Amino acid sequence: DLTDYDLEAPMPPSHWGDTRQHVFYGALYHWFIMFANRAFPHFKPHRD
C-alpha cells in the first residue's frame, strides 16, 4: 500500500501535554464522581 506513495510524515511537536495534565484531569474527574454523583445511583466503576 505504501509502494509509489509519496509520503512526507508530519513532524511531532517538541512538547505538548504531559503527565501532570493527565494526572490532574484524572483526579478532577474522580472528584466529581465522589462528590456530585447522586444523580447516577447505579454507577459502577470499570476498575476494581
ModelCIF file with pLDDT and N, C-alpha, C, O atoms, coordinates in Angstrom:
data_MODEL
#
_entry.id   MODEL 
#
_entity.id                         1 
_entity.type                       polymer 
_entity.pdbx_number_of_molecules   1 
#
_entity_poly.entity_id                      1 
_entity_poly.type                           'polypeptide(L)' 
_entity_poly.nstd_linkage                   no 
_entity_poly.nstd_monomer                   no 
_entity_poly.pdbx_seq_one_letter_code       DLTDYDLEAPMPPSHWGDTRQHVFYGALYHWFIMFANRAFPHFKPHRD 
_entity_poly.pdbx_seq_one_letter_code_can   DLTDYDLEAPMPPSHWGDTRQHVFYGALYHWFIMFANRAFPHFKPHRD 
_entity_poly.pdbx_strand_id                 A 
#
loop_
_entity_poly_seq.entity_id 
_entity_poly_seq.num 
_entity_poly_seq.mon_id 
_entity_poly_seq.hetero 
1 1  ASP n 
1 2  LEU n 
1 3  THR n 
1 4  ASP n 
1 5  TYR n 
1 6  ASP n 
1 7  LEU n 
1 8  GLU n 
1 9  ALA n 
1 10 PRO n 
1 11 MET n 
1 12 PRO n 
1 13 PRO n 
1 14 SER n 
1 15 HIS n 
1 16 TRP n 
1 17 GLY n 
1 18 ASP n 
1 19 THR n 
1 20 ARG n 
1 21 GLN n 
1 22 HIS n 
1 23 VAL n 
1 24 PHE n 
1 25 TYR n 
1 26 GLY n 
1 27 ALA n 
1 28 LEU n 
1 29 TYR n 
1 30 HIS n 
1 31 TRP n 
1 32 PHE n 
1 33 ILE n 
1 34 MET n 
1 35 PHE n 
1 36 ALA n 
1 37 ASN n 
1 38 ARG n 
1 39 ALA n 
1 40 PHE n 
1 41 PRO n 
1 42 HIS n 
1 43 PHE n 
1 44 LYS n 
1 45 PRO n 
1 46 HIS n 
1 47 ARG n 
1 48 ASP n 
#
_struct_asym.id          A 
_struct_asym.entity_id   1 
#
loop_
_ma_qa_metric.id 
_ma_qa_metric.mode 
_ma_qa_metric.name 
_ma_qa_metric.software_group_id 
_ma_qa_metric.type 
1 global pLDDT . pLDDT 
2 local  pLDDT . pLDDT 
#
_ma_qa_metric_global.metric_id      1 
_ma_qa_metric_global.metric_value   78.12 
_ma_qa_metric_global.model_id       1 
_ma_qa_metric_global.ordinal_id     1 
#
loop_
_ma_qa_metric_local.label_asym_id 
_ma_qa_metric_local.label_comp_id 
_ma_qa_metric_local.label_seq_id 
_ma_qa_metric_local.metric_id 
_ma_qa_metric_local.metric_value 
_ma_qa_metric_local.model_id 
_ma_qa_metric_local.ordinal_id 
A ASP 1  2 92.00 1 1  
A LEU 2  2 91.00 1 2  
A THR 3  2 86.00 1 3  
A ASP 4  2 72.00 1 4  
A TYR 5  2 69.00 1 5  
A ASP 6  2 63.00 1 6  
A LEU 7  2 60.00 1 7  
A GLU 8  2 63.00 1 8  
A ALA 9  2 63.00 1 9  
A PRO 10 2 64.00 1 10 
A MET 11 2 62.00 1 11 
A PRO 12 2 61.00 1 12 
A PRO 13 2 59.00 1 13 
A SER 14 2 53.00 1 14 
A HIS 15 2 59.00 1 15 
A TRP 16 2 53.00 1 16 
A GLY 17 2 56.00 1 17 
A ASP 18 2 61.00 1 18 
A THR 19 2 67.00 1 19 
A ARG 20 2 75.00 1 20 
A GLN 21 2 82.00 1 21 
A HIS 22 2 80.00 1 22 
A VAL 23 2 77.00 1 23 
A PHE 24 2 84.00 1 24 
A TYR 25 2 87.00 1 25 
A GLY 26 2 82.00 1 26 
A ALA 27 2 82.00 1 27 
A LEU 28 2 90.00 1 28 
A TYR 29 2 91.00 1 29 
A HIS 30 2 85.00 1 30 
A TRP 31 2 90.00 1 31 
A PHE 32 2 93.00 1 32 
A ILE 33 2 91.00 1 33 
A MET 34 2 88.00 1 34 
A PHE 35 2 90.00 1 35 
A ALA 36 2 92.00 1 36 
A ASN 37 2 94.00 1 37 
A ARG 38 2 93.00 1 38 
A ALA 39 2 94.00 1 39 
A PHE 40 2 95.00 1 40 
A PRO 41 2 93.00 1 41 
A HIS 42 2 93.00 1 42 
A PHE 43 2 92.00 1 43 
A LYS 44 2 87.00 1 44 
A PRO 45 2 82.00 1 45 
A HIS 46 2 75.00 1 46 
A ARG 47 2 71.00 1 47 
A ASP 48 2 68.00 1 48 
#
loop_
_atom_site.group_PDB 
_atom_site.id 
_atom_site.type_symbol 
_atom_site.label_atom_id 
_atom_site.label_alt_id 
_atom_site.label_comp_id 
_atom_site.label_asym_id 
_atom_site.label_entity_id 
_atom_site.label_seq_id 
_atom_site.pdbx_PDB_ins_code 
_atom_site.Cartn_x 
_atom_site.Cartn_y 
_atom_site.Cartn_z 
_atom_site.occupancy 
_atom_site.B_iso_or_equiv 
_atom_site.pdbx_formal_charge 
_atom_site.auth_seq_id 
_atom_site.auth_comp_id 
_atom_site.auth_asym_id 
_atom_site.auth_atom_id 
_atom_site.pdbx_PDB_model_num 
ATOM 1   N N  . ASP A 1 1  ? 0.819   -1.215 0.000  1.00 92.00 ? 1  ASP A N  1 
ATOM 2   C CA . ASP A 1 1  ? 0.000   0.000  0.000  1.00 92.00 ? 1  ASP A CA 1 
ATOM 3   C C  . ASP A 1 1  ? 0.852   1.262  0.000  1.00 92.00 ? 1  ASP A C  1 
ATOM 4   O O  . ASP A 1 1  ? 0.413   2.316  -0.461 1.00 92.00 ? 1  ASP A O  1 
ATOM 5   N N  . LEU A 1 2  ? 2.076   1.149  0.522  1.00 91.00 ? 2  LEU A N  1 
ATOM 6   C CA . LEU A 1 2  ? 2.973   2.307  0.566  1.00 91.00 ? 2  LEU A CA 1 
ATOM 7   C C  . LEU A 1 2  ? 3.784   2.480  -0.716 1.00 91.00 ? 2  LEU A C  1 
ATOM 8   O O  . LEU A 1 2  ? 4.362   3.543  -0.945 1.00 91.00 ? 2  LEU A O  1 
ATOM 9   N N  . THR A 1 3  ? 3.831   1.443  -1.552 1.00 86.00 ? 3  THR A N  1 
ATOM 10  C CA . THR A 1 3  ? 4.641   1.491  -2.763 1.00 86.00 ? 3  THR A CA 1 
ATOM 11  C C  . THR A 1 3  ? 4.197   2.637  -3.670 1.00 86.00 ? 3  THR A C  1 
ATOM 12  O O  . THR A 1 3  ? 3.007   2.825  -3.924 1.00 86.00 ? 3  THR A O  1 
ATOM 13  N N  . ASP A 1 4  ? 5.179   3.395  -4.150 1.00 72.00 ? 4  ASP A N  1 
ATOM 14  C CA . ASP A 1 4  ? 4.932   4.519  -5.059 1.00 72.00 ? 4  ASP A CA 1 
ATOM 15  C C  . ASP A 1 4  ? 4.046   5.592  -4.448 1.00 72.00 ? 4  ASP A C  1 
ATOM 16  O O  . ASP A 1 4  ? 3.496   6.429  -5.162 1.00 72.00 ? 4  ASP A O  1 
ATOM 17  N N  . TYR A 1 5  ? 3.908   5.567  -3.129 1.00 69.00 ? 5  TYR A N  1 
ATOM 18  C CA . TYR A 1 5  ? 3.114   6.595  -2.460 1.00 69.00 ? 5  TYR A CA 1 
ATOM 19  C C  . TYR A 1 5  ? 4.070   7.580  -1.825 1.00 69.00 ? 5  TYR A C  1 
ATOM 20  O O  . TYR A 1 5  ? 4.836   7.214  -0.933 1.00 69.00 ? 5  TYR A O  1 
ATOM 21  N N  . ASP A 1 6  ? 4.037   8.814  -2.269 1.00 63.00 ? 6  ASP A N  1 
ATOM 22  C CA . ASP A 1 6  ? 4.986   9.830  -1.810 1.00 63.00 ? 6  ASP A CA 1 
ATOM 23  C C  . ASP A 1 6  ? 4.577   10.318 -0.435 1.00 63.00 ? 6  ASP A C  1 
ATOM 24  O O  . ASP A 1 6  ? 3.611   11.069 -0.294 1.00 63.00 ? 6  ASP A O  1 
ATOM 25  N N  . LEU A 1 7  ? 5.308   9.893  0.570  1.00 60.00 ? 7  LEU A N  1 
ATOM 26  C CA . LEU A 1 7  ? 4.956   10.221 1.936  1.00 60.00 ? 7  LEU A CA 1 
ATOM 27  C C  . LEU A 1 7  ? 5.880   11.279 2.520  1.00 60.00 ? 7  LEU A C  1 
ATOM 28  O O  . LEU A 1 7  ? 7.096   11.238 2.334  1.00 60.00 ? 7  LEU A O  1 
ATOM 29  N N  . GLU A 1 8  ? 5.302   12.188 3.203  1.00 63.00 ? 8  GLU A N  1 
ATOM 30  C CA . GLU A 1 8  ? 6.076   13.142 3.998  1.00 63.00 ? 8  GLU A CA 1 
ATOM 31  C C  . GLU A 1 8  ? 5.427   13.188 5.363  1.00 63.00 ? 8  GLU A C  1 
ATOM 32  O O  . GLU A 1 8  ? 4.492   13.956 5.590  1.00 63.00 ? 8  GLU A O  1 
ATOM 33  N N  . ALA A 1 9  ? 5.921   12.367 6.271  1.00 63.00 ? 9  ALA A N  1 
ATOM 34  C CA . ALA A 1 9  ? 5.291   12.204 7.575  1.00 63.00 ? 9  ALA A CA 1 
ATOM 35  C C  . ALA A 1 9  ? 5.293   13.523 8.347  1.00 63.00 ? 9  ALA A C  1 
ATOM 36  O O  . ALA A 1 9  ? 6.298   14.236 8.353  1.00 63.00 ? 9  ALA A O  1 
ATOM 37  N N  . PRO A 1 10 ? 4.164   13.856 9.005  1.00 64.00 ? 10 PRO A N  1 
ATOM 38  C CA . PRO A 1 10 ? 4.124   15.071 9.811  1.00 64.00 ? 10 PRO A CA 1 
ATOM 39  C C  . PRO A 1 10 ? 5.080   14.977 10.982 1.00 64.00 ? 10 PRO A C  1 
ATOM 40  O O  . PRO A 1 10 ? 5.266   13.906 11.560 1.00 64.00 ? 10 PRO A O  1 
ATOM 41  N N  . MET A 1 11 ? 5.676   16.086 11.325 1.00 62.00 ? 11 MET A N  1 
ATOM 42  C CA . MET A 1 11 ? 6.633   16.117 12.426 1.00 62.00 ? 11 MET A CA 1 
ATOM 43  C C  . MET A 1 11 ? 5.912   16.401 13.735 1.00 62.00 ? 11 MET A C  1 
ATOM 44  O O  . MET A 1 11 ? 5.118   17.338 13.810 1.00 62.00 ? 11 MET A O  1 
ATOM 45  N N  . PRO A 1 12 ? 6.177   15.604 14.771 1.00 61.00 ? 12 PRO A N  1 
ATOM 46  C CA . PRO A 1 12 ? 5.564   15.870 16.069 1.00 61.00 ? 12 PRO A CA 1 
ATOM 47  C C  . PRO A 1 12 ? 6.175   17.106 16.703 1.00 61.00 ? 12 PRO A C  1 
ATOM 48  O O  . PRO A 1 12 ? 7.287   17.499 16.348 1.00 61.00 ? 12 PRO A O  1 
ATOM 49  N N  . PRO A 1 13 ? 5.456   17.731 17.647 1.00 59.00 ? 13 PRO A N  1 
ATOM 50  C CA . PRO A 1 13 ? 5.990   18.929 18.307 1.00 59.00 ? 13 PRO A CA 1 
ATOM 51  C C  . PRO A 1 13 ? 7.088   18.559 19.291 1.00 59.00 ? 13 PRO A C  1 
ATOM 52  O O  . PRO A 1 13 ? 7.261   17.391 19.639 1.00 59.00 ? 13 PRO A O  1 
ATOM 53  N N  . SER A 1 14 ? 7.818   19.557 19.726 1.00 53.00 ? 14 SER A N  1 
ATOM 54  C CA . SER A 1 14 ? 8.842   19.293 20.730 1.00 53.00 ? 14 SER A CA 1 
ATOM 55  C C  . SER A 1 14 ? 8.209   19.012 22.083 1.00 53.00 ? 14 SER A C  1 
ATOM 56  O O  . SER A 1 14 ? 8.805   18.328 22.914 1.00 53.00 ? 14 SER A O  1 
ATOM 57  N N  . HIS A 1 15 ? 7.002   19.535 22.314 1.00 59.00 ? 15 HIS A N  1 
ATOM 58  C CA . HIS A 1 15 ? 6.345   19.311 23.608 1.00 59.00 ? 15 HIS A CA 1 
ATOM 59  C C  . HIS A 1 15 ? 4.901   19.783 23.533 1.00 59.00 ? 15 HIS A C  1 
ATOM 60  O O  . HIS A 1 15 ? 4.615   20.876 23.044 1.00 59.00 ? 15 HIS A O  1 
ATOM 61  N N  . TRP A 1 16 ? 3.989   18.937 24.028 1.00 53.00 ? 16 TRP A N  1 
ATOM 62  C CA . TRP A 1 16 ? 2.649   19.414 24.402 1.00 53.00 ? 16 TRP A CA 1 
ATOM 63  C C  . TRP A 1 16 ? 2.026   18.388 25.333 1.00 53.00 ? 16 TRP A C  1 
ATOM 64  O O  . TRP A 1 16 ? 2.233   17.183 25.190 1.00 53.00 ? 16 TRP A O  1 
ATOM 65  N N  . GLY A 1 17 ? 1.261   18.894 26.288 1.00 56.00 ? 17 GLY A N  1 
ATOM 66  C CA . GLY A 1 17 ? 0.653   17.977 27.244 1.00 56.00 ? 17 GLY A CA 1 
ATOM 67  C C  . GLY A 1 17 ? 1.711   17.199 27.993 1.00 56.00 ? 17 GLY A C  1 
ATOM 68  O O  . GLY A 1 17 ? 2.795   16.990 27.450 1.00 56.00 ? 17 GLY A O  1 
ATOM 69  N N  . ASP A 1 18 ? 1.459   16.774 29.177 1.00 61.00 ? 18 ASP A N  1 
ATOM 70  C CA . ASP A 1 18 ? 2.423   15.958 29.901 1.00 61.00 ? 18 ASP A CA 1 
ATOM 71  C C  . ASP A 1 18 ? 1.716   15.163 30.977 1.00 61.00 ? 18 ASP A C  1 
ATOM 72  O O  . ASP A 1 18 ? 0.492   15.204 31.099 1.00 61.00 ? 18 ASP A O  1 
ATOM 73  N N  . THR A 1 19 ? 2.495   14.447 31.745 1.00 67.00 ? 19 THR A N  1 
ATOM 74  C CA . THR A 1 19 ? 1.937   13.571 32.771 1.00 67.00 ? 19 THR A CA 1 
ATOM 75  C C  . THR A 1 19 ? 1.119   14.345 33.786 1.00 67.00 ? 19 THR A C  1 
ATOM 76  O O  . THR A 1 19 ? 0.082   13.863 34.240 1.00 67.00 ? 19 THR A O  1 
ATOM 77  N N  . ARG A 1 20 ? 1.569   15.542 34.150 1.00 75.00 ? 20 ARG A N  1 
ATOM 78  C CA . ARG A 1 20 ? 0.858   16.331 35.164 1.00 75.00 ? 20 ARG A CA 1 
ATOM 79  C C  . ARG A 1 20 ? -0.575  16.622 34.747 1.00 75.00 ? 20 ARG A C  1 
ATOM 80  O O  . ARG A 1 20 ? -1.493  16.529 35.562 1.00 75.00 ? 20 ARG A O  1 
ATOM 81  N N  . GLN A 1 21 ? -0.774  16.977 33.464 1.00 82.00 ? 21 GLN A N  1 
ATOM 82  C CA . GLN A 1 21 ? -2.126  17.272 32.993 1.00 82.00 ? 21 GLN A CA 1 
ATOM 83  C C  . GLN A 1 21 ? -3.004  16.027 32.997 1.00 82.00 ? 21 GLN A C  1 
ATOM 84  O O  . GLN A 1 21 ? -4.181  16.087 33.351 1.00 82.00 ? 21 GLN A O  1 
ATOM 85  N N  . HIS A 1 22 ? -2.422  14.900 32.601 1.00 80.00 ? 22 HIS A N  1 
ATOM 86  C CA . HIS A 1 22 ? -3.172  13.647 32.601 1.00 80.00 ? 22 HIS A CA 1 
ATOM 87  C C  . HIS A 1 22 ? -3.615  13.297 34.022 1.00 80.00 ? 22 HIS A C  1 
ATOM 88  O O  . HIS A 1 22 ? -4.780  12.973 34.252 1.00 80.00 ? 22 HIS A O  1 
ATOM 89  N N  . VAL A 1 23 ? -2.685  13.362 34.964 1.00 77.00 ? 23 VAL A N  1 
ATOM 90  C CA . VAL A 1 23 ? -2.990  13.031 36.353 1.00 77.00 ? 23 VAL A CA 1 
ATOM 91  C C  . VAL A 1 23 ? -3.991  14.020 36.939 1.00 77.00 ? 23 VAL A C  1 
ATOM 92  O O  . VAL A 1 23 ? -4.905  13.622 37.662 1.00 77.00 ? 23 VAL A O  1 
ATOM 93  N N  . PHE A 1 24 ? -3.824  15.326 36.626 1.00 84.00 ? 24 PHE A N  1 
ATOM 94  C CA . PHE A 1 24 ? -4.727  16.349 37.155 1.00 84.00 ? 24 PHE A CA 1 
ATOM 95  C C  . PHE A 1 24 ? -6.164  16.103 36.711 1.00 84.00 ? 24 PHE A C  1 
ATOM 96  O O  . PHE A 1 24 ? -7.080  16.123 37.533 1.00 84.00 ? 24 PHE A O  1 
ATOM 97  N N  . TYR A 1 25 ? -6.365  15.869 35.408 1.00 87.00 ? 25 TYR A N  1 
ATOM 98  C CA . TYR A 1 25 ? -7.723  15.660 34.919 1.00 87.00 ? 25 TYR A CA 1 
ATOM 99  C C  . TYR A 1 25 ? -8.304  14.343 35.431 1.00 87.00 ? 25 TYR A C  1 
ATOM 100 O O  . TYR A 1 25 ? -9.514  14.238 35.634 1.00 87.00 ? 25 TYR A O  1 
ATOM 101 N N  . GLY A 1 26 ? -7.452  13.339 35.641 1.00 82.00 ? 26 GLY A N  1 
ATOM 102 C CA . GLY A 1 26 ? -7.930  12.099 36.234 1.00 82.00 ? 26 GLY A CA 1 
ATOM 103 C C  . GLY A 1 26 ? -8.437  12.314 37.644 1.00 82.00 ? 26 GLY A C  1 
ATOM 104 O O  . GLY A 1 26 ? -9.488  11.792 38.015 1.00 82.00 ? 26 GLY A O  1 
ATOM 105 N N  . ALA A 1 27 ? -7.688  13.089 38.441 1.00 82.00 ? 27 ALA A N  1 
ATOM 106 C CA . ALA A 1 27 ? -8.102  13.388 39.810 1.00 82.00 ? 27 ALA A CA 1 
ATOM 107 C C  . ALA A 1 27 ? -9.386  14.217 39.821 1.00 82.00 ? 27 ALA A C  1 
ATOM 108 O O  . ALA A 1 27 ? -10.278 13.962 40.629 1.00 82.00 ? 27 ALA A O  1 
ATOM 109 N N  . LEU A 1 28 ? -9.485  15.205 38.933 1.00 90.00 ? 28 LEU A N  1 
ATOM 110 C CA . LEU A 1 28 ? -10.668 16.065 38.873 1.00 90.00 ? 28 LEU A CA 1 
ATOM 111 C C  . LEU A 1 28 ? -11.908 15.265 38.470 1.00 90.00 ? 28 LEU A C  1 
ATOM 112 O O  . LEU A 1 28 ? -12.985 15.443 39.039 1.00 90.00 ? 28 LEU A O  1 
ATOM 113 N N  . TYR A 1 29 ? -11.746 14.398 37.498 1.00 91.00 ? 29 TYR A N  1 
ATOM 114 C CA . TYR A 1 29 ? -12.849 13.550 37.039 1.00 91.00 ? 29 TYR A CA 1 
ATOM 115 C C  . TYR A 1 29 ? -13.389 12.702 38.189 1.00 91.00 ? 29 TYR A C  1 
ATOM 116 O O  . TYR A 1 29 ? -14.603 12.610 38.375 1.00 91.00 ? 29 TYR A O  1 
ATOM 117 N N  . HIS A 1 30 ? -12.497 12.086 38.957 1.00 85.00 ? 30 HIS A N  1 
ATOM 118 C CA . HIS A 1 30 ? -12.939 11.236 40.062 1.00 85.00 ? 30 HIS A CA 1 
ATOM 119 C C  . HIS A 1 30 ? -13.477 12.074 41.228 1.00 85.00 ? 30 HIS A C  1 
ATOM 120 O O  . HIS A 1 30 ? -14.303 11.584 41.999 1.00 85.00 ? 30 HIS A O  1 
ATOM 121 N N  . TRP A 1 31 ? -13.032 13.310 41.372 1.00 90.00 ? 31 TRP A N  1 
ATOM 122 C CA . TRP A 1 31 ? -13.583 14.187 42.405 1.00 90.00 ? 31 TRP A CA 1 
ATOM 123 C C  . TRP A 1 31 ? -15.062 14.425 42.163 1.00 90.00 ? 31 TRP A C  1 
ATOM 124 O O  . TRP A 1 31 ? -15.861 14.358 43.097 1.00 90.00 ? 31 TRP A O  1 
ATOM 125 N N  . PHE A 1 32 ? -15.439 14.702 40.915 1.00 93.00 ? 32 PHE A N  1 
ATOM 126 C CA . PHE A 1 32 ? -16.853 14.923 40.597 1.00 93.00 ? 32 PHE A CA 1 
ATOM 127 C C  . PHE A 1 32 ? -17.678 13.660 40.837 1.00 93.00 ? 32 PHE A C  1 
ATOM 128 O O  . PHE A 1 32 ? -18.827 13.751 41.268 1.00 93.00 ? 32 PHE A O  1 
ATOM 129 N N  . ILE A 1 33 ? -17.123 12.507 40.573 1.00 91.00 ? 33 ILE A N  1 
ATOM 130 C CA . ILE A 1 33 ? -17.845 11.261 40.823 1.00 91.00 ? 33 ILE A CA 1 
ATOM 131 C C  . ILE A 1 33 ? -18.027 11.047 42.327 1.00 91.00 ? 33 ILE A C  1 
ATOM 132 O O  . ILE A 1 33 ? -19.064 10.547 42.764 1.00 91.00 ? 33 ILE A O  1 
ATOM 133 N N  . MET A 1 34 ? -17.028 11.424 43.109 1.00 88.00 ? 34 MET A N  1 
ATOM 134 C CA . MET A 1 34 ? -17.103 11.255 44.558 1.00 88.00 ? 34 MET A CA 1 
ATOM 135 C C  . MET A 1 34 ? -18.148 12.158 45.195 1.00 88.00 ? 34 MET A C  1 
ATOM 136 O O  . MET A 1 34 ? -18.902 11.723 46.065 1.00 88.00 ? 34 MET A O  1 
ATOM 137 N N  . PHE A 1 35 ? -18.196 13.429 44.758 1.00 90.00 ? 35 PHE A N  1 
ATOM 138 C CA . PHE A 1 35 ? -18.977 14.425 45.485 1.00 90.00 ? 35 PHE A CA 1 
ATOM 139 C C  . PHE A 1 35 ? -20.202 14.953 44.741 1.00 90.00 ? 35 PHE A C  1 
ATOM 140 O O  . PHE A 1 35 ? -20.966 15.729 45.315 1.00 90.00 ? 35 PHE A O  1 
ATOM 141 N N  . ALA A 1 36 ? -20.414 14.563 43.495 1.00 92.00 ? 36 ALA A N  1 
ATOM 142 C CA . ALA A 1 36 ? -21.552 15.110 42.739 1.00 92.00 ? 36 ALA A CA 1 
ATOM 143 C C  . ALA A 1 36 ? -22.254 14.042 41.912 1.00 92.00 ? 36 ALA A C  1 
ATOM 144 O O  . ALA A 1 36 ? -22.763 14.324 40.828 1.00 92.00 ? 36 ALA A O  1 
ATOM 145 N N  . ASN A 1 37 ? -22.280 12.818 42.425 1.00 94.00 ? 37 ASN A N  1 
ATOM 146 C CA . ASN A 1 37 ? -22.759 11.699 41.601 1.00 94.00 ? 37 ASN A CA 1 
ATOM 147 C C  . ASN A 1 37 ? -24.127 11.148 42.032 1.00 94.00 ? 37 ASN A C  1 
ATOM 148 O O  . ASN A 1 37 ? -24.498 10.047 41.627 1.00 94.00 ? 37 ASN A O  1 
ATOM 149 N N  . ARG A 1 38 ? -24.873 11.893 42.842 1.00 93.00 ? 38 ARG A N  1 
ATOM 150 C CA . ARG A 1 38 ? -26.149 11.392 43.348 1.00 93.00 ? 38 ARG A CA 1 
ATOM 151 C C  . ARG A 1 38 ? -27.146 11.099 42.236 1.00 93.00 ? 38 ARG A C  1 
ATOM 152 O O  . ARG A 1 38 ? -28.007 10.231 42.382 1.00 93.00 ? 38 ARG A O  1 
ATOM 153 N N  . ALA A 1 39 ? -27.033 11.813 41.138 1.00 94.00 ? 39 ALA A N  1 
ATOM 154 C CA . ALA A 1 39 ? -27.978 11.615 40.024 1.00 94.00 ? 39 ALA A CA 1 
ATOM 155 C C  . ALA A 1 39 ? -27.729 10.303 39.286 1.00 94.00 ? 39 ALA A C  1 
ATOM 156 O O  . ALA A 1 39 ? -28.515 9.924  38.418 1.00 94.00 ? 39 ALA A O  1 
ATOM 157 N N  . PHE A 1 40 ? -26.644 9.610  39.620 1.00 95.00 ? 40 PHE A N  1 
ATOM 158 C CA . PHE A 1 40 ? -26.300 8.356  38.945 1.00 95.00 ? 40 PHE A CA 1 
ATOM 159 C C  . PHE A 1 40 ? -26.184 7.234  39.983 1.00 95.00 ? 40 PHE A C  1 
ATOM 160 O O  . PHE A 1 40 ? -25.079 6.770  40.262 1.00 95.00 ? 40 PHE A O  1 
ATOM 161 N N  . PRO A 1 41 ? -27.301 6.798  40.553 1.00 93.00 ? 41 PRO A N  1 
ATOM 162 C CA . PRO A 1 41 ? -27.260 5.857  41.680 1.00 93.00 ? 41 PRO A CA 1 
ATOM 163 C C  . PRO A 1 41 ? -26.726 4.470  41.333 1.00 93.00 ? 41 PRO A C  1 
ATOM 164 O O  . PRO A 1 41 ? -26.282 3.748  42.225 1.00 93.00 ? 41 PRO A O  1 
ATOM 165 N N  . HIS A 1 42 ? -26.759 4.086  40.071 1.00 93.00 ? 42 HIS A N  1 
ATOM 166 C CA . HIS A 1 42 ? -26.335 2.742  39.687 1.00 93.00 ? 42 HIS A CA 1 
ATOM 167 C C  . HIS A 1 42 ? -24.938 2.709  39.058 1.00 93.00 ? 42 HIS A C  1 
ATOM 168 O O  . HIS A 1 42 ? -24.521 1.690  38.509 1.00 93.00 ? 42 HIS A O  1 
ATOM 169 N N  . PHE A 1 43 ? -24.224 3.829  39.145 1.00 92.00 ? 43 PHE A N  1 
ATOM 170 C CA . PHE A 1 43 ? -22.889 3.868  38.535 1.00 92.00 ? 43 PHE A CA 1 
ATOM 171 C C  . PHE A 1 43 ? -21.958 2.854  39.179 1.00 92.00 ? 43 PHE A C  1 
ATOM 172 O O  . PHE A 1 43 ? -21.904 2.729  40.403 1.00 92.00 ? 43 PHE A O  1 
ATOM 173 N N  . LYS A 1 44 ? -21.220 2.127  38.331 1.00 87.00 ? 44 LYS A N  1 
ATOM 174 C CA . LYS A 1 44 ? -20.195 1.191  38.791 1.00 87.00 ? 44 LYS A CA 1 
ATOM 175 C C  . LYS A 1 44 ? -18.899 1.484  38.049 1.00 87.00 ? 44 LYS A C  1 
ATOM 176 O O  . LYS A 1 44 ? -18.889 1.514  36.819 1.00 87.00 ? 44 LYS A O  1 
ATOM 177 N N  . PRO A 1 45 ? -17.797 1.704  38.778 1.00 82.00 ? 45 PRO A N  1 
ATOM 178 C CA . PRO A 1 45 ? -16.509 1.927  38.085 1.00 82.00 ? 45 PRO A CA 1 
ATOM 179 C C  . PRO A 1 45 ? -16.096 0.662  37.338 1.00 82.00 ? 45 PRO A C  1 
ATOM 180 O O  . PRO A 1 45 ? -16.406 -0.454 37.754 1.00 82.00 ? 45 PRO A O  1 
ATOM 181 N N  . HIS A 1 46 ? -15.387 0.863  36.220 1.00 75.00 ? 46 HIS A N  1 
ATOM 182 C CA . HIS A 1 46 ? -14.980 -0.285 35.413 1.00 75.00 ? 46 HIS A CA 1 
ATOM 183 C C  . HIS A 1 46 ? -13.693 -0.932 35.925 1.00 75.00 ? 46 HIS A C  1 
ATOM 184 O O  . HIS A 1 46 ? -13.239 -1.937 35.379 1.00 75.00 ? 46 HIS A O  1 
ATOM 185 N N  . ARG A 1 47 ? -13.111 -0.354 36.968 1.00 71.00 ? 47 ARG A N  1 
ATOM 186 C CA . ARG A 1 47 ? -11.905 -0.928 37.564 1.00 71.00 ? 47 ARG A CA 1 
ATOM 187 C C  . ARG A 1 47 ? -12.224 -1.506 38.937 1.00 71.00 ? 47 ARG A C  1 
ATOM 188 O O  . ARG A 1 47 ? -13.307 -1.282 39.477 1.00 71.00 ? 47 ARG A O  1 
ATOM 189 N N  . ASP A 1 48 ? -11.269 -2.257 39.500 1.00 68.00 ? 48 ASP A N  1 
ATOM 190 C CA . ASP A 1 48 ? -11.507 -2.949 40.761 1.00 68.00 ? 48 ASP A CA 1 
ATOM 191 C C  . ASP A 1 48 ? -11.581 -1.996 41.947 1.00 68.00 ? 48 ASP A C  1 
ATOM 192 O O  . ASP A 1 48 ? -11.777 -2.434 43.081 1.00 68.00 ? 48 ASP A O  1 
#
